[in-house]
């Protein structure tokens, strides 16, 4: 059977509302402030068809470049061939949410600043760099003469009781 090539073709599960998330859009969605330069995640909300992104942009992250009363303009980079193209999409606020991709970085900056201030008061230097996971420390296995006697393991023979 031939399939369609419509604007929302093959989005049956992509645009589906989550479990116990059906119904109208919550009013708190409209009270979130967006500013130029904010990093946002694009997630289409099927309850509002106006201002909905194309299926390609669902799940992408972009930067806000324009804010209007009911919508935001987002810059998303799209791979076309061997290059990135800057795409500007205008979406209603129901289809966008603030991204948490920078939260870990911002927390680390705050933690490093507090550690730096505390170290400066004491007059010492502190290393604020991230250190990769180091190899585990060496261990010594107890000798065979003590409590750790070697054991020989053999498989249990198969027996039938017929």
N, C-alpha and C. Protein backbone atom coordinates (compact mmCIF):
# COMPACT_ATOMS: atom_id res chain seq x y z
N UNK A 1 0.84 -1.19 0.00
CA UNK A 1 0.00 0.00 0.00
C UNK A 1 0.88 1.25 0.00
N UNK A 2 0.62 2.22 -0.84
CA UNK A 2 1.47 3.41 -0.86
C UNK A 2 1.26 4.26 0.40
N UNK A 3 2.34 4.88 0.84
CA UNK A 3 2.22 5.74 2.02
C UNK A 3 2.21 7.21 1.59
N UNK A 4 1.71 8.06 2.48
CA UNK A 4 1.56 9.47 2.15
C UNK A 4 2.84 10.22 2.49
N UNK A 5 2.99 11.39 1.89
CA UNK A 5 4.15 12.23 2.13
C UNK A 5 3.70 13.57 2.71
N UNK A 6 2.66 13.56 3.53
CA UNK A 6 2.11 14.80 4.07
C UNK A 6 3.02 15.43 5.11
N UNK A 7 2.60 16.61 5.56
CA UNK A 7 3.38 17.39 6.52
C UNK A 7 3.55 16.65 7.84
N UNK A 8 2.52 15.87 8.24
CA UNK A 8 2.58 15.13 9.50
C UNK A 8 2.62 13.63 9.27
N UNK A 9 3.10 13.21 8.11
CA UNK A 9 3.15 11.78 7.80
C UNK A 9 4.11 11.07 8.74
N UNK A 10 3.76 9.87 9.18
CA UNK A 10 4.55 9.00 10.06
C UNK A 10 4.86 9.66 11.42
N UNK A 11 3.89 10.37 11.97
CA UNK A 11 4.09 10.99 13.29
C UNK A 11 3.10 10.44 14.30
N UNK A 12 2.60 9.22 14.06
CA UNK A 12 1.56 8.66 14.92
C UNK A 12 2.01 8.58 16.38
N UNK A 13 3.23 8.14 16.62
CA UNK A 13 3.72 8.01 17.99
C UNK A 13 4.51 9.25 18.41
N UNK A 14 5.08 9.95 17.46
CA UNK A 14 5.92 11.11 17.77
C UNK A 14 5.11 12.23 18.43
N UNK A 15 3.93 12.53 17.89
CA UNK A 15 3.13 13.64 18.40
C UNK A 15 2.09 13.18 19.42
N UNK A 16 2.17 11.95 19.87
CA UNK A 16 1.21 11.43 20.84
C UNK A 16 1.43 12.10 22.19
N UNK A 17 0.35 12.44 22.87
CA UNK A 17 0.46 12.99 24.22
C UNK A 17 0.89 11.89 25.18
N UNK A 18 1.57 12.27 26.26
CA UNK A 18 2.06 11.29 27.22
C UNK A 18 0.94 10.69 28.06
N UNK A 19 1.28 9.68 28.83
CA UNK A 19 0.32 9.02 29.71
C UNK A 19 -0.19 9.99 30.75
N UNK A 20 -1.52 10.12 30.88
CA UNK A 20 -2.19 11.05 31.80
C UNK A 20 -1.83 12.51 31.52
N UNK A 21 -1.48 12.83 30.27
CA UNK A 21 -1.18 14.21 29.91
C UNK A 21 -2.13 14.71 28.82
N UNK A 22 -3.26 14.03 28.62
CA UNK A 22 -4.20 14.43 27.58
C UNK A 22 -5.01 15.64 28.04
N UNK A 23 -5.71 16.25 27.11
CA UNK A 23 -6.55 17.38 27.44
C UNK A 23 -5.91 18.70 27.06
N UNK A 24 -6.52 19.79 27.51
CA UNK A 24 -6.02 21.12 27.13
C UNK A 24 -4.65 21.42 27.73
N UNK A 25 -3.99 22.41 27.14
CA UNK A 25 -2.65 22.81 27.60
C UNK A 25 -2.78 23.53 28.94
N UNK A 26 -1.85 23.23 29.87
CA UNK A 26 -1.88 23.87 31.19
C UNK A 26 -1.56 25.36 31.06
N UNK A 27 -2.20 26.17 31.88
CA UNK A 27 -2.01 27.62 31.79
C UNK A 27 -0.61 28.04 32.21
N UNK A 28 0.06 27.23 33.03
CA UNK A 28 1.43 27.58 33.44
C UNK A 28 2.38 27.61 32.26
N UNK A 29 2.02 26.94 31.16
CA UNK A 29 2.84 26.95 29.95
C UNK A 29 2.98 28.37 29.41
N UNK A 30 1.92 29.17 29.54
CA UNK A 30 1.92 30.52 28.97
C UNK A 30 2.57 31.54 29.90
N UNK A 31 2.87 31.15 31.14
CA UNK A 31 3.45 32.08 32.10
C UNK A 31 4.98 32.02 32.13
N UNK A 32 5.57 31.11 31.34
CA UNK A 32 7.03 30.99 31.31
C UNK A 32 7.59 32.08 30.42
N UNK A 33 8.60 32.79 30.92
CA UNK A 33 9.23 33.87 30.17
C UNK A 33 10.38 33.32 29.33
N UNK A 34 10.45 33.76 28.07
CA UNK A 34 11.55 33.40 27.18
C UNK A 34 12.26 34.68 26.78
N UNK A 35 13.60 34.62 26.75
CA UNK A 35 14.41 35.77 26.37
C UNK A 35 15.29 35.38 25.19
N UNK A 36 15.72 36.38 24.43
CA UNK A 36 16.62 36.12 23.32
C UNK A 36 17.92 35.54 23.87
N UNK A 37 18.37 34.44 23.28
CA UNK A 37 19.58 33.77 23.74
C UNK A 37 19.32 32.56 24.60
N UNK A 38 18.07 32.34 25.03
CA UNK A 38 17.75 31.15 25.83
C UNK A 38 17.90 29.89 24.98
N UNK A 39 18.34 28.82 25.62
CA UNK A 39 18.42 27.52 24.95
C UNK A 39 17.14 26.77 25.25
N UNK A 40 16.44 26.32 24.20
CA UNK A 40 15.14 25.67 24.38
C UNK A 40 15.11 24.34 23.64
N UNK A 41 14.31 23.42 24.17
CA UNK A 41 14.04 22.14 23.52
C UNK A 41 12.71 22.24 22.81
N UNK A 42 12.64 21.71 21.61
CA UNK A 42 11.41 21.74 20.82
C UNK A 42 10.71 20.39 20.99
N UNK A 43 9.50 20.43 21.53
CA UNK A 43 8.70 19.22 21.68
C UNK A 43 7.26 19.58 21.33
N UNK A 44 6.79 19.06 20.21
CA UNK A 44 5.46 19.42 19.73
C UNK A 44 4.38 18.92 20.68
N UNK A 45 3.40 19.77 20.93
CA UNK A 45 2.26 19.42 21.77
C UNK A 45 1.05 19.25 20.86
N UNK A 46 0.53 18.02 20.79
CA UNK A 46 -0.53 17.71 19.83
C UNK A 46 -1.85 18.38 20.17
N UNK A 47 -2.00 18.91 21.38
CA UNK A 47 -3.24 19.58 21.74
C UNK A 47 -3.37 20.93 21.05
N UNK A 48 -2.28 21.48 20.57
CA UNK A 48 -2.31 22.78 19.88
C UNK A 48 -1.67 22.60 18.51
N UNK A 49 -2.51 22.65 17.45
CA UNK A 49 -1.96 22.44 16.12
C UNK A 49 -1.37 23.71 15.51
N UNK A 50 -1.80 24.87 16.01
CA UNK A 50 -1.24 26.11 15.47
C UNK A 50 0.21 26.27 15.94
N UNK A 51 1.04 26.78 15.08
CA UNK A 51 2.43 27.05 15.45
C UNK A 51 3.21 25.81 15.78
N UNK A 52 2.81 24.68 15.21
CA UNK A 52 3.47 23.40 15.51
C UNK A 52 4.70 23.24 14.61
N UNK A 53 5.80 22.68 15.12
CA UNK A 53 6.99 22.51 14.29
C UNK A 53 6.84 21.34 13.33
N UNK A 54 7.62 21.34 12.29
CA UNK A 54 7.69 20.19 11.39
C UNK A 54 8.30 19.02 12.17
N UNK A 55 7.98 17.81 11.75
CA UNK A 55 8.42 16.62 12.49
C UNK A 55 9.94 16.54 12.61
N UNK A 56 10.69 17.17 11.69
CA UNK A 56 12.15 17.13 11.77
C UNK A 56 12.65 17.81 13.05
N UNK A 57 11.99 18.89 13.45
CA UNK A 57 12.48 19.70 14.57
C UNK A 57 12.03 19.16 15.92
N UNK A 58 11.15 18.17 15.94
CA UNK A 58 10.68 17.59 17.20
C UNK A 58 11.85 16.91 17.92
N UNK A 59 12.13 17.35 19.14
CA UNK A 59 13.23 16.78 19.91
C UNK A 59 14.55 17.50 19.71
N UNK A 60 14.59 18.57 18.91
CA UNK A 60 15.83 19.30 18.67
C UNK A 60 15.99 20.42 19.69
N UNK A 61 17.20 20.90 19.83
CA UNK A 61 17.51 22.00 20.74
C UNK A 61 17.97 23.18 19.92
N UNK A 62 17.50 24.36 20.28
CA UNK A 62 17.88 25.57 19.55
C UNK A 62 17.99 26.77 20.47
N UNK A 63 18.29 27.93 19.87
CA UNK A 63 18.49 29.17 20.60
C UNK A 63 17.41 30.16 20.18
N UNK A 64 16.78 30.80 21.15
CA UNK A 64 15.73 31.78 20.87
C UNK A 64 16.36 33.04 20.27
N UNK A 65 15.83 33.49 19.12
CA UNK A 65 16.32 34.73 18.50
C UNK A 65 15.23 35.79 18.42
N UNK A 66 13.97 35.42 18.66
CA UNK A 66 12.88 36.39 18.56
C UNK A 66 11.76 35.96 19.51
N UNK A 67 11.16 36.93 20.18
CA UNK A 67 10.07 36.64 21.11
C UNK A 67 8.88 37.52 20.76
N UNK A 68 7.70 36.89 20.60
CA UNK A 68 6.46 37.61 20.37
C UNK A 68 5.49 37.23 21.50
N UNK A 69 4.32 37.87 21.59
CA UNK A 69 3.43 37.55 22.72
C UNK A 69 3.04 36.09 22.85
N UNK A 70 2.85 35.38 21.73
CA UNK A 70 2.40 34.00 21.84
C UNK A 70 3.35 32.99 21.20
N UNK A 71 4.48 33.45 20.70
CA UNK A 71 5.39 32.54 20.01
C UNK A 71 6.83 32.97 20.20
N UNK A 72 7.75 32.08 19.83
CA UNK A 72 9.18 32.38 19.88
C UNK A 72 9.80 31.93 18.57
N UNK A 73 10.83 32.63 18.13
CA UNK A 73 11.62 32.22 16.98
C UNK A 73 12.85 31.49 17.48
N UNK A 74 13.15 30.34 16.90
CA UNK A 74 14.25 29.50 17.37
C UNK A 74 15.19 29.21 16.21
N UNK A 75 16.50 29.31 16.48
CA UNK A 75 17.51 28.94 15.49
C UNK A 75 17.92 27.49 15.76
N UNK A 76 17.79 26.64 14.73
CA UNK A 76 18.18 25.23 14.83
C UNK A 76 19.13 24.95 13.68
N UNK A 77 20.19 24.18 13.96
CA UNK A 77 21.15 23.82 12.92
C UNK A 77 20.77 22.46 12.34
N UNK A 78 20.60 22.42 11.02
CA UNK A 78 20.18 21.21 10.32
C UNK A 78 21.30 20.72 9.41
N UNK A 79 21.57 19.41 9.47
CA UNK A 79 22.59 18.82 8.61
C UNK A 79 21.98 18.57 7.24
N UNK A 80 22.55 19.21 6.22
CA UNK A 80 22.11 19.01 4.84
C UNK A 80 23.37 18.69 4.03
N UNK A 81 23.47 17.46 3.58
CA UNK A 81 24.67 17.06 2.84
C UNK A 81 25.88 17.06 3.75
N UNK A 82 26.88 17.89 3.41
CA UNK A 82 28.11 17.93 4.19
C UNK A 82 28.25 19.24 4.97
N UNK A 83 27.13 19.91 5.25
CA UNK A 83 27.23 21.20 5.93
C UNK A 83 26.05 21.38 6.89
N UNK A 84 26.17 22.38 7.75
CA UNK A 84 25.10 22.76 8.67
C UNK A 84 24.41 23.99 8.11
N UNK A 85 23.08 23.95 8.08
CA UNK A 85 22.31 25.12 7.65
C UNK A 85 21.56 25.66 8.86
N UNK A 86 21.62 26.98 9.05
CA UNK A 86 20.91 27.61 10.17
C UNK A 86 19.46 27.80 9.76
N UNK A 87 18.57 27.10 10.44
CA UNK A 87 17.14 27.20 10.14
C UNK A 87 16.48 28.04 11.23
N UNK A 88 15.61 28.94 10.82
CA UNK A 88 14.88 29.77 11.78
C UNK A 88 13.42 29.34 11.75
N UNK A 89 12.94 28.78 12.86
CA UNK A 89 11.56 28.30 12.92
C UNK A 89 10.81 29.11 13.97
N UNK A 90 9.56 29.44 13.65
CA UNK A 90 8.71 30.18 14.57
C UNK A 90 7.69 29.22 15.17
N UNK A 91 7.69 29.12 16.49
CA UNK A 91 6.86 28.14 17.19
C UNK A 91 6.07 28.82 18.29
N UNK A 92 4.87 28.31 18.52
CA UNK A 92 4.12 28.80 19.67
C UNK A 92 4.75 28.26 20.95
N UNK A 93 4.52 28.94 22.06
CA UNK A 93 5.17 28.59 23.32
C UNK A 93 4.75 27.22 23.84
N UNK A 94 3.63 26.67 23.37
CA UNK A 94 3.20 25.35 23.81
C UNK A 94 4.17 24.26 23.34
N UNK A 95 4.92 24.55 22.28
CA UNK A 95 5.80 23.54 21.69
C UNK A 95 7.26 23.71 22.10
N UNK A 96 7.54 24.59 23.05
CA UNK A 96 8.91 24.84 23.48
C UNK A 96 9.01 24.74 24.99
N UNK A 97 10.17 24.40 25.48
CA UNK A 97 10.45 24.42 26.93
C UNK A 97 11.92 24.70 27.14
N UNK A 98 12.25 25.30 28.28
CA UNK A 98 13.65 25.60 28.57
C UNK A 98 14.45 24.31 28.65
N UNK A 99 15.63 24.33 28.04
CA UNK A 99 16.48 23.14 28.02
C UNK A 99 17.28 23.05 29.31
N UNK A 100 17.51 21.82 29.75
CA UNK A 100 18.31 21.59 30.96
C UNK A 100 19.73 21.17 30.61
N UNK A 101 20.13 21.35 29.34
CA UNK A 101 21.44 20.88 28.90
C UNK A 101 22.58 21.67 29.55
N UNK A 102 22.35 22.92 29.94
CA UNK A 102 23.42 23.73 30.56
C UNK A 102 23.36 23.71 32.08
N UNK A 103 22.36 23.05 32.67
CA UNK A 103 22.18 23.13 34.11
C UNK A 103 23.37 22.56 34.87
N UNK A 104 23.89 21.43 34.41
CA UNK A 104 25.04 20.81 35.08
C UNK A 104 26.25 21.74 35.02
N UNK A 105 26.45 22.40 33.88
CA UNK A 105 27.56 23.33 33.73
C UNK A 105 27.40 24.53 34.67
N UNK A 106 26.19 25.09 34.73
CA UNK A 106 25.96 26.25 35.60
C UNK A 106 26.14 25.89 37.07
N UNK A 107 25.69 24.67 37.45
CA UNK A 107 25.89 24.22 38.83
C UNK A 107 27.38 24.10 39.15
N UNK A 108 28.15 23.59 38.18
CA UNK A 108 29.59 23.41 38.40
C UNK A 108 30.29 24.76 38.52
N UNK A 109 29.86 25.75 37.71
CA UNK A 109 30.44 27.09 37.80
C UNK A 109 30.19 27.68 39.18
N UNK A 110 28.95 27.52 39.69
CA UNK A 110 28.61 28.04 41.00
C UNK A 110 29.42 27.36 42.10
N UNK A 111 29.53 26.01 42.00
CA UNK A 111 30.29 25.24 42.99
C UNK A 111 31.77 25.63 42.98
N UNK A 112 32.33 25.81 41.78
CA UNK A 112 33.74 26.21 41.66
C UNK A 112 33.97 27.60 42.24
N UNK A 113 33.02 28.51 42.00
CA UNK A 113 33.17 29.87 42.53
C UNK A 113 33.17 29.86 44.06
N UNK A 114 32.25 29.09 44.64
CA UNK A 114 32.20 29.00 46.11
C UNK A 114 33.49 28.39 46.67
N UNK A 115 33.99 27.34 46.01
CA UNK A 115 35.24 26.71 46.46
C UNK A 115 36.41 27.67 46.31
N UNK A 116 36.42 28.48 45.26
CA UNK A 116 37.50 29.44 45.03
C UNK A 116 37.48 30.54 46.10
N UNK A 117 36.28 31.03 46.42
CA UNK A 117 36.17 32.08 47.44
C UNK A 117 36.62 31.56 48.80
N UNK A 118 36.18 30.32 49.14
CA UNK A 118 36.58 29.72 50.43
C UNK A 118 38.09 29.52 50.50
N UNK A 119 38.70 29.09 49.39
CA UNK A 119 40.15 28.86 49.37
C UNK A 119 40.91 30.17 49.46
N UNK A 120 40.36 31.23 48.86
CA UNK A 120 41.04 32.52 48.88
C UNK A 120 41.04 33.10 50.30
N UNK A 121 39.96 32.87 51.05
CA UNK A 121 39.92 33.34 52.44
C UNK A 121 40.97 32.65 53.29
N UNK A 122 41.18 31.35 53.03
CA UNK A 122 42.19 30.59 53.79
C UNK A 122 43.60 30.84 53.28
N UNK A 123 43.71 31.42 52.08
CA UNK A 123 45.03 31.72 51.53
C UNK A 123 45.70 30.51 50.90
N UNK A 124 44.94 29.60 50.35
CA UNK A 124 45.52 28.42 49.69
C UNK A 124 44.93 28.27 48.30
N UNK A 125 45.59 27.41 47.49
CA UNK A 125 45.11 27.16 46.14
C UNK A 125 44.29 25.89 46.12
N UNK A 126 43.28 25.88 45.24
CA UNK A 126 42.44 24.69 45.11
C UNK A 126 42.31 24.35 43.63
N UNK A 127 42.34 23.06 43.32
CA UNK A 127 42.22 22.61 41.94
C UNK A 127 40.74 22.48 41.60
N UNK A 128 40.28 23.27 40.62
CA UNK A 128 38.86 23.28 40.24
C UNK A 128 38.60 22.49 38.96
N UNK A 129 39.64 21.87 38.41
CA UNK A 129 39.47 21.14 37.16
C UNK A 129 38.77 19.80 37.40
N UNK A 130 38.05 19.36 36.41
CA UNK A 130 37.45 18.03 36.49
C UNK A 130 38.53 16.99 36.26
N UNK A 131 38.51 15.93 37.04
CA UNK A 131 39.51 14.87 36.93
C UNK A 131 38.81 13.62 36.43
N UNK A 132 39.33 13.00 35.35
CA UNK A 132 38.68 11.78 34.87
C UNK A 132 38.81 10.66 35.89
N UNK A 133 37.96 9.64 35.75
CA UNK A 133 37.97 8.52 36.68
C UNK A 133 39.31 7.81 36.58
N UNK A 134 39.99 7.70 37.71
CA UNK A 134 41.31 7.08 37.75
C UNK A 134 41.19 5.57 37.84
N UNK A 135 42.28 4.84 37.47
CA UNK A 135 42.25 3.38 37.61
C UNK A 135 42.12 2.99 39.08
N UNK A 136 41.52 1.82 39.33
CA UNK A 136 41.35 1.37 40.70
C UNK A 136 42.71 1.05 41.33
N UNK A 137 42.77 1.16 42.64
CA UNK A 137 44.02 0.89 43.34
C UNK A 137 44.31 -0.61 43.34
N UNK A 138 45.61 -0.94 43.51
CA UNK A 138 46.04 -2.33 43.49
C UNK A 138 45.53 -3.07 44.72
N UNK A 139 45.30 -4.37 44.56
CA UNK A 139 44.87 -5.21 45.68
C UNK A 139 45.75 -6.45 45.71
N UNK A 140 45.87 -7.03 46.88
CA UNK A 140 46.63 -8.27 47.03
C UNK A 140 45.68 -9.37 47.45
N UNK A 141 45.68 -10.48 46.72
CA UNK A 141 44.83 -11.61 47.05
C UNK A 141 45.50 -12.39 48.17
N UNK A 142 44.69 -12.81 49.17
CA UNK A 142 45.26 -13.54 50.30
C UNK A 142 45.94 -14.82 49.80
N UNK A 143 47.03 -15.19 50.47
CA UNK A 143 47.81 -16.35 50.02
C UNK A 143 47.02 -17.64 50.22
N UNK A 144 47.44 -18.69 49.49
CA UNK A 144 46.76 -19.98 49.51
C UNK A 144 47.00 -20.72 50.83
N UNK A 145 48.02 -20.33 51.59
CA UNK A 145 48.31 -21.04 52.84
C UNK A 145 47.37 -20.65 53.96
N UNK A 146 46.76 -19.49 53.85
CA UNK A 146 45.90 -19.02 54.95
C UNK A 146 44.49 -19.57 54.83
N UNK A 147 43.50 -18.69 55.02
CA UNK A 147 42.09 -19.09 54.97
C UNK A 147 41.57 -19.25 53.54
N UNK A 148 42.32 -18.76 52.59
CA UNK A 148 41.87 -18.75 51.20
C UNK A 148 42.44 -19.95 50.44
N UNK A 149 41.92 -21.12 50.71
CA UNK A 149 42.42 -22.34 50.07
C UNK A 149 41.76 -22.49 48.71
N UNK A 150 42.54 -22.82 47.65
CA UNK A 150 41.94 -22.98 46.32
C UNK A 150 40.96 -24.14 46.28
N UNK A 151 39.90 -23.98 45.50
CA UNK A 151 38.89 -25.03 45.38
C UNK A 151 38.80 -25.45 43.92
N UNK A 152 38.62 -26.75 43.70
CA UNK A 152 38.45 -27.27 42.35
C UNK A 152 36.96 -27.40 42.09
N UNK A 153 36.54 -26.83 40.97
CA UNK A 153 35.12 -26.86 40.64
C UNK A 153 34.91 -27.77 39.43
N UNK A 154 33.93 -28.65 39.54
CA UNK A 154 33.59 -29.56 38.44
C UNK A 154 32.09 -29.51 38.23
N UNK A 155 31.65 -29.72 37.00
CA UNK A 155 30.20 -29.71 36.77
C UNK A 155 29.53 -30.93 37.39
N UNK A 156 28.28 -30.76 37.80
CA UNK A 156 27.49 -31.85 38.39
C UNK A 156 27.08 -32.78 37.25
N UNK A 157 27.27 -34.10 37.40
CA UNK A 157 26.88 -35.02 36.32
C UNK A 157 25.35 -35.03 36.16
N UNK A 158 24.92 -35.16 34.88
CA UNK A 158 23.49 -35.16 34.56
C UNK A 158 22.91 -36.53 34.90
N UNK A 159 21.81 -36.53 35.65
CA UNK A 159 21.16 -37.78 36.05
C UNK A 159 19.70 -37.74 35.64
N UNK A 160 19.20 -38.81 35.10
CA UNK A 160 17.78 -38.89 34.76
C UNK A 160 17.08 -39.81 35.75
N UNK A 161 15.88 -39.48 36.14
CA UNK A 161 15.12 -40.31 37.10
C UNK A 161 13.88 -40.85 36.43
N UNK A 162 14.05 -41.51 35.32
CA UNK A 162 12.91 -42.05 34.58
C UNK A 162 12.79 -43.54 34.87
